[in-house]
Protein backbone atom coordinates (compact mmCIF):
# COMPACT_ATOMS: atom_id res chain seq x y z
CA MET A 1 136.29 126.73 215.20
CA ASP A 2 133.09 125.37 216.79
CA GLU A 3 132.02 128.93 217.54
CA ILE A 4 132.75 130.02 213.99
CA THR A 5 130.90 127.15 212.32
CA ALA A 6 127.88 127.71 214.64
CA HIS A 7 127.80 131.48 214.01
CA ARG A 8 124.53 132.46 212.29
CA ARG A 9 126.10 134.77 209.71
CA VAL A 10 128.89 132.32 208.98
CA SER A 11 126.29 129.60 208.40
CA GLU A 12 124.57 131.96 205.96
CA ALA A 13 127.89 132.58 204.21
CA VAL A 14 128.47 128.83 203.88
CA ALA A 15 125.00 128.39 202.40
CA ARG A 16 125.72 131.22 199.97
CA ILE A 17 128.98 129.61 198.84
CA ARG A 18 127.12 126.39 198.11
CA SER A 19 124.21 128.08 196.34
CA THR A 20 126.51 130.19 194.15
CA ASP A 21 128.86 127.36 193.21
CA GLU A 22 127.85 127.65 189.56
CA ALA A 23 128.70 131.37 189.59
CA THR A 24 132.11 130.52 191.08
CA LEU A 25 132.70 128.06 188.25
CA CYS A 26 131.69 130.70 185.71
CA ASP A 27 134.26 133.08 187.24
CA GLN A 28 136.83 130.31 187.02
CA ILE A 29 136.10 129.68 183.33
CA GLU A 30 135.93 133.34 182.33
CA LEU A 31 139.14 134.27 184.12
CA SER A 32 140.96 131.23 182.76
CA GLU A 33 140.05 132.30 179.23
CA ILE A 34 141.73 135.70 179.70
CA PRO A 35 145.41 135.23 178.78
CA ALA A 36 147.84 135.89 181.62
CA PRO A 37 151.27 134.85 180.28
CA PRO A 38 154.46 135.61 182.21
CA PHE A 39 154.75 139.40 182.56
CA GLY A 40 151.47 139.81 180.68
CA GLU A 41 148.80 139.64 183.37
CA SER A 42 147.21 143.08 182.83
CA MET A 43 144.01 141.96 181.07
CA ARG A 44 143.21 139.39 183.74
CA ALA A 45 144.15 141.91 186.42
CA GLN A 46 141.59 144.37 185.06
CA ALA A 47 138.92 141.68 185.11
CA MET A 48 139.73 140.82 188.73
CA ALA A 49 139.66 144.48 189.75
CA LYS A 50 136.12 144.86 188.38
CA ARG A 51 134.95 141.71 190.12
CA LEU A 52 136.51 142.65 193.45
CA GLY A 53 134.77 146.02 193.26
CA LYS A 54 131.40 144.39 192.51
CA ALA A 55 131.97 142.04 195.45
CA GLY A 56 131.77 145.09 197.73
CA LEU A 57 135.43 145.57 198.60
CA SER A 58 136.90 149.07 198.85
CA ASN A 59 139.97 150.96 197.67
CA ILE A 60 140.44 148.84 194.55
CA ARG A 61 143.80 149.67 192.97
CA SER A 62 146.89 148.36 191.24
CA ASP A 63 150.41 148.79 192.57
CA ALA A 64 153.68 149.49 190.77
CA VAL A 65 154.21 145.90 189.58
CA GLY A 66 150.61 145.12 188.60
CA ASN A 67 149.16 143.45 191.70
CA VAL A 68 145.44 144.16 192.19
CA LEU A 69 144.57 145.15 195.75
CA ALA A 70 141.25 145.56 197.57
CA GLU A 71 140.39 146.12 201.22
CA ARG A 72 137.78 145.12 203.74
CA ASN A 73 137.98 146.98 207.02
CA GLY A 74 137.97 145.20 210.36
CA SER A 75 136.68 146.37 213.72
CA THR A 76 140.08 146.67 215.43
CA ASP A 77 143.58 147.93 214.81
CA ASP A 78 144.94 144.38 214.74
CA ALA A 79 147.54 143.68 212.06
CA PRO A 80 145.72 142.96 208.78
CA LEU A 81 145.41 139.52 207.22
CA VAL A 82 146.41 139.22 203.55
CA LEU A 83 144.43 136.85 201.30
CA THR A 84 145.86 136.27 197.82
CA ALA A 85 145.64 134.29 194.60
CA HIS A 86 148.06 134.62 191.71
CA LEU A 87 147.02 135.93 188.30
CA ASP A 88 149.73 134.51 186.06
CA THR A 89 150.08 131.20 184.25
CA VAL A 90 153.10 129.41 182.82
CA PHE A 91 151.75 129.58 179.27
CA PRO A 92 153.37 131.96 176.77
CA GLU A 93 151.55 134.59 174.77
CA GLY A 94 149.57 133.05 171.94
CA THR A 95 148.55 129.89 173.82
CA ASP A 96 144.94 128.86 173.20
CA VAL A 97 143.40 129.24 176.65
CA SER A 98 139.88 128.17 175.70
CA VAL A 99 138.07 126.09 178.31
CA THR A 100 135.90 123.10 177.50
CA ARG A 101 133.32 121.72 179.90
CA LYS A 102 132.03 118.19 180.14
CA ARG A 103 129.64 117.71 183.07
CA ASP A 104 131.68 118.54 186.20
CA THR A 105 135.08 118.61 184.47
CA LEU A 106 136.69 121.75 183.04
CA SER A 107 139.70 121.50 180.75
CA GLY A 108 142.07 124.27 179.65
CA PRO A 109 145.51 125.74 180.35
CA GLY A 110 145.54 127.25 183.84
CA ILE A 111 141.98 126.21 184.70
CA SER A 112 143.12 125.04 188.13
CA ASP A 113 146.46 126.83 188.52
CA ASN A 114 145.30 129.41 189.19
CA ALA A 115 141.88 130.30 187.87
CA ARG A 116 140.50 128.20 190.72
CA GLY A 117 142.33 130.27 193.32
CA LEU A 118 141.09 133.53 191.79
CA ALA A 119 137.49 132.30 191.70
CA ALA A 120 137.73 131.19 195.33
CA LEU A 121 139.14 134.59 196.33
CA LEU A 122 136.09 136.26 194.81
CA SER A 123 133.69 133.77 196.40
CA VAL A 124 135.09 134.41 199.88
CA ALA A 125 134.83 138.18 199.39
CA ARG A 126 131.21 137.93 198.23
CA ALA A 127 130.23 135.63 201.08
CA LEU A 128 131.68 137.97 203.70
CA GLU A 129 130.04 141.02 202.19
CA SER A 130 126.61 139.59 201.37
CA CYS A 131 126.22 138.11 204.85
CA GLY A 132 127.52 141.18 206.68
CA ILE A 133 130.34 139.43 208.54
CA THR A 134 132.76 141.81 210.26
CA THR A 135 136.23 140.55 211.10
CA GLN A 136 138.38 141.92 213.89
CA ALA A 137 141.46 142.31 211.73
CA SER A 138 141.16 144.11 208.40
CA LEU A 139 141.51 142.00 205.25
CA LEU A 140 143.70 142.85 202.28
CA PHE A 141 142.67 140.93 199.15
CA VAL A 142 145.38 140.71 196.48
CA ALA A 143 145.54 139.16 193.02
CA THR A 144 149.29 138.87 192.55
CA VAL A 145 151.50 138.88 189.47
CA GLY A 146 154.63 136.85 188.84
CA GLU A 147 154.12 133.73 190.94
CA GLU A 148 155.11 131.33 188.20
CA GLY A 149 158.56 130.56 186.74
CA SER A 150 160.49 133.59 185.58
CA GLY A 151 158.07 135.84 187.44
CA ASP A 152 160.20 134.97 190.48
CA LEU A 153 157.44 135.93 192.97
CA ARG A 154 157.81 139.56 191.91
CA GLY A 155 154.27 140.44 192.95
CA VAL A 156 154.49 139.24 196.53
CA LYS A 157 158.08 140.46 196.82
CA HIS A 158 156.78 143.95 196.09
CA LEU A 159 153.98 143.54 198.64
CA PHE A 160 156.55 142.93 201.36
CA SER A 161 159.13 145.46 200.15
CA ALA A 162 159.79 148.62 202.15
CA ASP A 163 156.83 150.51 200.65
CA GLY A 164 154.64 147.49 199.89
CA ALA A 165 151.01 147.26 200.95
CA ALA A 166 151.54 144.10 203.05
CA VAL A 167 154.19 145.57 205.37
CA GLY A 168 152.95 145.05 208.91
CA ALA A 169 150.63 142.19 207.98
CA GLY A 170 149.81 139.72 210.73
CA GLY A 171 149.36 136.77 208.39
CA PHE A 172 149.23 135.70 204.74
CA ILE A 173 147.05 133.13 203.00
CA SER A 174 147.59 132.10 199.38
CA LEU A 175 144.77 130.34 197.53
CA ASP A 176 146.34 128.19 194.84
CA GLY A 177 144.77 125.48 192.72
CA ALA A 178 142.61 122.58 193.82
CA GLY A 179 142.56 120.23 196.82
CA LEU A 180 141.16 119.98 200.33
CA ASN A 181 143.87 118.47 202.52
CA ARG A 182 147.24 120.09 201.95
CA ILE A 183 148.38 123.11 203.95
CA VAL A 184 151.74 124.46 202.82
CA VAL A 185 153.65 125.55 205.93
CA ARG A 186 157.19 125.19 204.56
CA GLY A 187 158.47 127.23 201.65
CA LEU A 188 160.94 125.51 199.33
CA GLY A 189 163.68 127.96 198.38
CA SER A 190 165.17 128.04 194.90
CA ARG A 191 167.98 129.79 193.08
CA ARG A 192 168.10 129.82 189.29
CA TYR A 193 171.06 130.58 187.04
CA ARG A 194 171.91 131.14 183.42
CA ILE A 195 175.46 130.11 182.48
CA THR A 196 176.65 131.56 179.17
CA ILE A 197 179.82 130.55 177.31
CA SER A 198 180.92 132.94 174.55
CA GLY A 199 183.55 132.93 171.81
CA ALA A 200 184.39 134.34 168.40
CA GLY A 201 182.34 131.81 166.44
CA GLY A 202 182.84 131.37 162.73
CA HIS A 203 182.03 129.43 159.59
CA SER A 204 181.50 125.71 160.15
CA TRP A 205 183.95 124.87 157.30
CA LEU A 206 186.32 127.78 156.92
CA ASP A 207 186.81 128.24 160.67
CA TRP A 208 186.55 124.62 161.69
CA GLY A 209 188.64 124.01 164.79
CA ALA A 210 187.79 127.35 166.40
CA PRO A 211 186.62 126.94 170.01
CA ASN A 212 182.96 125.96 170.08
CA PRO A 213 180.93 127.19 173.09
CA ILE A 214 178.41 124.36 172.71
CA HIS A 215 181.15 121.72 173.00
CA HIS A 216 182.23 123.23 176.30
CA LEU A 217 178.64 123.73 177.43
CA THR A 218 177.94 120.00 177.07
CA GLU A 219 181.00 119.29 179.18
CA LEU A 220 179.68 121.73 181.76
CA GLY A 221 176.34 119.92 181.77
CA ARG A 222 178.04 116.58 182.30
CA ARG A 223 180.00 117.87 185.28
CA LEU A 224 176.99 119.55 186.83
CA THR A 225 175.15 116.21 186.90
CA GLU A 226 178.01 114.79 188.97
CA ILE A 227 177.70 117.34 191.78
CA GLY A 228 177.08 115.66 195.12
CA LEU A 229 173.75 116.95 196.44
CA GLU A 230 172.66 117.25 200.06
CA VAL A 231 170.36 114.53 201.36
CA GLU A 232 169.26 116.25 204.58
CA PRO A 233 168.00 118.81 203.96
CA GLN A 234 167.41 117.57 200.44
CA SER A 235 168.74 119.69 197.61
CA THR A 236 168.14 119.31 193.88
CA LEU A 237 169.80 120.58 190.70
CA THR A 238 168.00 120.52 187.36
CA ILE A 239 169.38 121.63 184.00
CA ALA A 240 166.09 122.99 182.73
CA ARG A 241 166.84 124.73 179.43
CA ILE A 242 169.72 124.85 176.97
CA GLY A 243 170.34 126.81 173.78
CA GLY A 244 172.81 128.52 171.49
CA GLY A 245 173.88 129.04 167.93
CA LYS A 246 172.12 130.80 165.09
CA SER A 247 172.68 128.62 162.04
CA ILE A 248 173.36 125.00 161.14
CA ASN A 249 176.47 126.06 159.19
CA ALA A 250 178.09 128.26 161.83
CA ILE A 251 180.22 127.74 164.90
CA PRO A 252 178.17 129.41 167.65
CA GLN A 253 179.33 132.63 169.23
CA GLU A 254 177.32 131.82 172.33
CA ALA A 255 175.71 128.92 174.15
CA TRP A 256 173.80 128.89 177.42
CA LEU A 257 172.01 126.71 179.88
CA GLU A 258 169.61 127.45 182.71
CA ILE A 259 169.75 125.67 186.05
CA ASP A 260 167.16 125.34 188.81
CA THR A 261 168.48 124.56 192.31
CA ARG A 262 166.21 123.95 195.29
CA CYS A 263 166.54 123.45 199.03
CA THR A 264 164.87 124.60 202.23
CA ASP A 265 168.26 125.78 203.56
CA ALA A 266 169.57 129.10 202.16
CA ASP A 267 173.17 128.21 203.09
CA VAL A 268 172.99 125.01 201.07
CA LEU A 269 171.68 126.96 198.07
CA GLU A 270 174.55 129.42 198.42
CA ARG A 271 177.15 126.65 198.50
CA LEU A 272 175.53 124.97 195.52
CA GLY A 273 175.70 128.24 193.59
CA ASP A 274 179.39 128.64 194.43
CA HIS A 275 180.04 125.08 193.22
CA ILE A 276 178.26 125.75 189.94
CA THR A 277 180.35 128.88 189.38
CA HIS A 278 183.59 127.03 190.17
CA ILE A 279 182.83 124.25 187.68
CA ALA A 280 181.80 126.75 184.99
CA ASN A 281 185.05 128.66 185.43
CA GLU A 282 187.09 125.44 185.25
CA VAL A 283 185.40 124.40 182.01
CA ALA A 284 185.95 127.82 180.45
CA ALA A 285 189.59 127.95 181.62
CA ALA A 286 190.34 124.90 179.48
CA GLU A 287 189.97 127.17 176.44
CA PRO A 288 191.32 130.74 176.94
CA ALA A 289 189.54 131.97 173.81
CA LEU A 290 186.17 131.43 175.52
CA SER A 291 184.57 133.43 178.32
CA VAL A 292 181.91 132.41 180.82
CA SER A 293 179.31 134.37 182.78
CA ARG A 294 176.82 133.41 185.47
CA THR A 295 173.59 135.35 185.99
CA VAL A 296 171.05 134.75 188.77
CA ILE A 297 167.67 134.71 187.00
CA GLY A 298 165.54 133.61 189.94
CA ASP A 299 165.76 133.73 193.73
CA ARG A 300 162.92 132.40 195.86
CA PRO A 301 163.61 132.49 199.59
CA GLY A 302 162.65 129.53 201.73
CA GLY A 303 160.90 129.69 205.08
CA ILE A 304 158.60 128.01 207.54
CA THR A 305 155.41 128.76 209.44
CA ASP A 306 155.26 127.10 212.83
CA PRO A 307 152.38 124.59 212.72
CA ARG A 308 151.49 125.82 216.22
CA ALA A 309 151.03 129.41 215.03
CA ARG A 310 147.48 130.79 215.06
CA LEU A 311 147.26 130.92 211.26
CA ALA A 312 148.42 127.34 210.77
CA ARG A 313 146.09 126.13 213.51
CA ALA A 314 143.25 128.01 211.82
CA ALA A 315 143.87 126.16 208.57
CA ILE A 316 144.25 122.81 210.34
CA ASP A 317 140.98 123.30 212.24
CA ALA A 318 139.21 124.55 209.11
CA THR A 319 140.31 121.45 207.21
CA ARG A 320 138.93 119.22 209.95
CA ALA A 321 135.72 121.26 210.00
CA ILE A 322 135.04 120.17 206.41
CA HIS A 323 135.78 116.58 207.46
CA ARG A 324 139.18 116.24 205.85
CA ASN A 325 142.54 115.26 207.34
CA PRO A 326 145.06 118.11 207.15
CA ILE A 327 148.41 117.37 205.53
CA LEU A 328 151.26 119.78 206.29
CA ALA A 329 153.24 120.24 203.12
CA LEU A 330 156.37 121.71 201.53
CA SER A 331 156.10 123.70 198.29
CA SER A 332 157.25 126.83 196.47
CA THR A 333 154.43 129.41 196.37
CA ASP A 334 153.72 133.07 197.02
CA ALA A 335 153.81 132.22 200.74
CA ASN A 336 157.61 131.78 200.53
CA VAL A 337 158.23 135.52 200.74
CA PRO A 338 156.25 136.32 203.90
CA MET A 339 157.60 133.14 205.53
CA ALA A 340 161.13 134.35 204.87
CA ALA A 341 160.19 137.74 206.34
CA GLY A 342 158.93 136.12 209.54
CA VAL A 343 155.22 136.63 208.76
CA PRO A 344 153.00 133.57 209.36
CA ALA A 345 151.99 132.35 205.90
CA ILE A 346 150.31 129.34 204.35
CA THR A 347 149.03 128.15 200.97
CA ILE A 348 145.89 126.06 200.58
CA GLY A 349 143.96 124.55 197.69
CA CYS A 350 140.40 125.58 196.90
CA GLY A 351 138.46 122.33 196.55
CA GLY A 352 137.88 119.98 193.67
CA GLU A 353 140.38 117.74 191.94
CA ALA A 354 142.90 118.68 189.24
CA GLY A 355 145.63 117.23 187.09
CA LEU A 356 148.16 117.88 184.33
CA ALA A 357 149.02 121.30 185.74
CA HIS A 358 151.40 123.40 183.62
CA THR A 359 150.31 121.58 180.47
CA THR A 360 147.75 122.57 177.86
CA ASP A 361 145.73 119.50 178.90
CA GLU A 362 145.22 120.77 182.47
CA TRP A 363 141.86 119.85 183.98
CA TYR A 364 139.74 120.63 187.04
CA ARG A 365 136.90 118.45 188.33
CA ASN A 366 134.40 120.13 190.64
CA VAL A 367 134.17 117.37 193.22
CA HIS A 368 133.53 118.98 196.63
CA GLY A 369 134.45 122.31 195.09
CA PRO A 370 132.41 124.44 197.54
CA GLU A 371 134.15 122.75 200.49
CA GLY A 372 137.44 124.27 199.36
CA VAL A 373 135.98 127.78 199.42
CA ILE A 374 134.33 127.08 202.77
CA ARG A 375 137.68 125.91 204.17
CA ALA A 376 139.24 129.19 202.99
CA LEU A 377 136.42 131.16 204.64
CA TYR A 378 136.79 129.29 207.94
CA THR A 379 140.58 129.80 207.86
CA VAL A 380 140.21 133.54 207.29
CA LEU A 381 137.67 133.92 210.09
CA ALA A 382 139.64 131.83 212.57
CA ALA A 383 142.80 133.82 211.82
CA ALA A 384 141.24 137.29 211.62
CA GLY A 385 138.55 136.85 214.28
CA VAL A 386 134.81 137.51 213.98
CA THR A 387 133.19 140.56 215.60
CA ASN A 388 129.47 140.15 214.95
């Protein structure tokens, strides 16, 4: 890291990141104001593709699921390093995504998660290109779709599928949100279910007494809260959404609930899923006129990157190089998928401070914002190697 920070061209790149901080913030605002709801990221993807091309990257393209990819060739045949930021937000279509600015604070849905990551991705690309830095390993820049919620990591899953562009990658870095200390080296796995109870339904007066799916669904919810959860490794179960019925004067034909389970251990998640199914079947069996179904609506694999691996050490050293103390963390991010595939992967924040993520009152404060981009640059160069 001392060699990297003392490198003339790297020093120039750092100076460029600082001098163009306002341009990075403008990217952050403009991208945040382009709606990118779940499964609706195409407009923001187009904007990122144009910016990546103007940054000097080559072979700009979109893949089958909507990821935007761009390349920067290295000087060797070393396995490429993948640098990503996710396009999508949690906010549904129609959400007002306007950004307001008051001095160094930006406010708006998704302004940090993940407009900040996208802006940092562009800033790193421009710094490398404008200062003529050549890495040993080639770099694959990707703006991914489907990181949030029901997206179920579909973008990065495609990258690492049999014909995905990231197959054979030597490492993976995800730029996500704000912060300067955390380095995600453990991926929190999750499995998500929808349990549906169905029946004949009927009129609330004429058919009163007919089996009511919602009555049985509430019993199911009660029993699910009594499941004994693992303490080590910790597991969690959250009833996240519930619904059913079509009219106030009708016995519902259908009722459903959605469950989020989480753990770092895939076997624990599997056992938890079996337990959920068993309880659902028992509840439904109490009334033969009702049927029950379980659908997996989300499956995020867990994983780990050895803190001693080159990529993790690069991020740790880069964090110290900007005079911050690295904190190794556990989270659920795009890095989960490569971790599960055995590819060294991390997720880091991109400077500044942020709060109220996943709400319409989300905010980002540009305190030490450039340092986050510089940390990302140092991490990339330490992991990929510098030729010139």
